[in-house]
């Protein structure tokens, strides 16, 4: 009987994102949320937007400026209009 074990190694997912990787991930999540928005998939858009917003909140003011303005505007203003706290929550 042969028993094989897989070596475990730390991957990028296991480490917290910082610097350029964090900025890149925020941009990616905003773009994914926008694509869900364009496809009228509101539930997925809301979930992805919340993840993007959580990561965006961890950025410093200088790092936030590195996010393209189009993405920042969509995340903070336009999507807040439809998914913000002032809106009626979705039905379950």
C-alpha atoms as a PDB file:
ATOM      1  CA  UNK A   1       0.000   0.000   0.000  1.00  0.00           C
ATOM      2  CA  UNK A   2       1.436   3.374  -1.047  1.00  0.00           C
ATOM      3  CA  UNK A   3       0.451   6.450   0.919  1.00  0.00           C
ATOM      4  CA  UNK A   4       1.162   9.829  -0.529  1.00  0.00           C
ATOM      5  CA  UNK A   5       0.833  13.093   1.239  1.00  0.00           C
ATOM      6  CA  UNK A   6       0.588  16.478  -0.295  1.00  0.00           C
ATOM      7  CA  UNK A   7       2.909  19.128   0.981  1.00  0.00           C
ATOM      8  CA  UNK A   8       1.115  22.201   2.183  1.00  0.00           C
ATOM      9  CA  UNK A   9       2.409  25.565   1.170  1.00  0.00           C
ATOM     10  CA  UNK A  10       1.296  29.077   1.786  1.00  0.00           C
ATOM     11  CA  UNK A  11      -0.416  30.576  -1.218  1.00  0.00           C
ATOM     12  CA  UNK A  12      -1.338  34.125  -2.097  1.00  0.00           C
ATOM     13  CA  UNK A  13      -4.851  33.509  -0.762  1.00  0.00           C
ATOM     14  CA  UNK A  14      -3.574  32.688   2.727  1.00  0.00           C
ATOM     15  CA  UNK A  15      -1.701  35.967   3.135  1.00  0.00           C
ATOM     16  CA  UNK A  16      -3.503  39.272   3.632  1.00  0.00           C
ATOM     17  CA  UNK A  17      -3.254  41.532   0.610  1.00  0.00           C
ATOM     18  CA  UNK A  18      -1.229  44.712   0.818  1.00  0.00           C
ATOM     19  CA  UNK A  19      -0.013  47.442  -1.491  1.00  0.00           C
ATOM     20  CA  UNK A  20      -0.424  46.951  -5.221  1.00  0.00           C
ATOM     21  CA  UNK A  21      -2.031  43.518  -4.817  1.00  0.00           C
ATOM     22  CA  UNK A  22      -4.768  45.003  -2.624  1.00  0.00           C
ATOM     23  CA  UNK A  23      -5.416  47.824  -5.090  1.00  0.00           C
ATOM     24  CA  UNK A  24      -5.582  45.318  -7.943  1.00  0.00           C
ATOM     25  CA  UNK A  25      -8.038  43.121  -6.024  1.00  0.00           C
ATOM     26  CA  UNK A  26     -10.297  46.084  -5.207  1.00  0.00           C
ATOM     27  CA  UNK A  27     -10.374  47.078  -8.889  1.00  0.00           C
ATOM     28  CA  UNK A  28     -11.116  43.502  -9.902  1.00  0.00           C
ATOM     29  CA  UNK A  29     -14.000  43.190  -7.443  1.00  0.00           C
ATOM     30  CA  UNK A  30     -15.525  46.502  -8.545  1.00  0.00           C
ATOM     31  CA  UNK A  31     -15.315  45.425 -12.189  1.00  0.00           C
ATOM     32  CA  UNK A  32     -16.973  42.094 -11.362  1.00  0.00           C
ATOM     33  CA  UNK A  33     -19.741  43.900  -9.474  1.00  0.00           C
ATOM     34  CA  UNK A  34     -20.257  46.227 -12.450  1.00  0.00           C
ATOM     35  CA  UNK A  35     -20.506  43.258 -14.815  1.00  0.00           C
ATOM     36  CA  UNK A  36     -23.155  41.694 -12.561  1.00  0.00           C
ATOM     37  CA  UNK A  37     -24.936  45.050 -12.528  1.00  0.00           C
ATOM     38  CA  UNK A  38     -24.915  45.216 -16.320  1.00  0.00           C
ATOM     39  CA  UNK A  39     -26.306  41.667 -16.441  1.00  0.00           C
ATOM     40  CA  UNK A  40     -29.146  42.664 -14.039  1.00  0.00           C
ATOM     41  CA  UNK A  41     -27.932  40.136 -11.459  1.00  0.00           C
ATOM     42  CA  UNK A  42     -28.619  42.250  -8.393  1.00  0.00           C
ATOM     43  CA  UNK A  43     -28.007  39.647  -5.710  1.00  0.00           C
ATOM     44  CA  UNK A  44     -24.539  38.781  -7.019  1.00  0.00           C
ATOM     45  CA  UNK A  45     -23.807  42.461  -7.601  1.00  0.00           C
ATOM     46  CA  UNK A  46     -24.731  43.340  -4.045  1.00  0.00           C
ATOM     47  CA  UNK A  47     -22.519  40.590  -2.612  1.00  0.00           C
ATOM     48  CA  UNK A  48     -19.543  41.504  -4.780  1.00  0.00           C
ATOM     49  CA  UNK A  49     -20.002  45.217  -4.048  1.00  0.00           C
ATOM     50  CA  UNK A  50     -19.948  44.551  -0.309  1.00  0.00           C
ATOM     51  CA  UNK A  51     -16.679  42.625  -0.652  1.00  0.00           C
ATOM     52  CA  UNK A  52     -15.195  45.412  -2.765  1.00  0.00           C
ATOM     53  CA  UNK A  53     -16.366  48.059  -0.308  1.00  0.00           C
ATOM     54  CA  UNK A  54     -14.851  46.154   2.642  1.00  0.00           C
ATOM     55  CA  UNK A  55     -11.494  46.001   0.874  1.00  0.00           C
ATOM     56  CA  UNK A  56     -11.787  49.624  -0.263  1.00  0.00           C
ATOM     57  CA  UNK A  57     -12.288  50.753   3.336  1.00  0.00           C
ATOM     58  CA  UNK A  58      -8.925  49.202   4.277  1.00  0.00           C
ATOM     59  CA  UNK A  59      -7.047  51.377   1.775  1.00  0.00           C
ATOM     60  CA  UNK A  60      -5.210  54.512   2.838  1.00  0.00           C
ATOM     61  CA  UNK A  61      -6.192  57.819   1.187  1.00  0.00           C
ATOM     62  CA  UNK A  62      -3.130  57.668  -1.062  1.00  0.00           C
ATOM     63  CA  UNK A  63      -3.960  54.121  -2.142  1.00  0.00           C
ATOM     64  CA  UNK A  64      -7.567  55.102  -2.838  1.00  0.00           C
ATOM     65  CA  UNK A  65      -6.343  57.664  -5.350  1.00  0.00           C
ATOM     66  CA  UNK A  66      -4.702  54.851  -7.317  1.00  0.00           C
ATOM     67  CA  UNK A  67      -8.117  53.281  -7.985  1.00  0.00           C
ATOM     68  CA  UNK A  68      -9.409  54.595 -11.350  1.00  0.00           C
ATOM     69  CA  UNK A  69     -11.934  57.368 -10.859  1.00  0.00           C
ATOM     70  CA  UNK A  70     -14.619  55.586 -12.890  1.00  0.00           C
ATOM     71  CA  UNK A  71     -14.489  52.647 -10.504  1.00  0.00           C
ATOM     72  CA  UNK A  72     -14.439  54.830  -7.394  1.00  0.00           C
ATOM     73  CA  UNK A  73     -17.475  56.781  -8.578  1.00  0.00           C
ATOM     74  CA  UNK A  74     -19.414  53.624  -9.331  1.00  0.00           C
ATOM     75  CA  UNK A  75     -18.530  52.033  -5.993  1.00  0.00           C
ATOM     76  CA  UNK A  76     -19.182  55.002  -3.734  1.00  0.00           C
ATOM     77  CA  UNK A  77     -22.010  56.900  -5.384  1.00  0.00           C
ATOM     78  CA  UNK A  78     -23.906  55.109  -8.101  1.00  0.00           C
ATOM     79  CA  UNK A  79     -23.996  51.696  -6.449  1.00  0.00           C
ATOM     80  CA  UNK A  80     -24.759  53.309  -3.080  1.00  0.00           C
ATOM     81  CA  UNK A  81     -27.885  54.776  -4.651  1.00  0.00           C
ATOM     82  CA  UNK A  82     -29.186  51.276  -5.334  1.00  0.00           C
ATOM     83  CA  UNK A  83     -27.497  49.138  -2.673  1.00  0.00           C
ATOM     84  CA  UNK A  84     -26.826  51.589   0.162  1.00  0.00           C
ATOM     85  CA  UNK A  85     -28.262  51.541   3.650  1.00  0.00           C
ATOM     86  CA  UNK A  86     -31.064  53.934   2.697  1.00  0.00           C
ATOM     87  CA  UNK A  87     -32.563  51.481   0.211  1.00  0.00           C
ATOM     88  CA  UNK A  88     -35.162  48.864   1.029  1.00  0.00           C
ATOM     89  CA  UNK A  89     -33.432  45.547   1.765  1.00  0.00           C
ATOM     90  CA  UNK A  90     -33.968  42.718  -0.735  1.00  0.00           C
ATOM     91  CA  UNK A  91     -36.668  40.156  -0.122  1.00  0.00           C
ATOM     92  CA  UNK A  92     -35.462  36.769   1.016  1.00  0.00           C
END
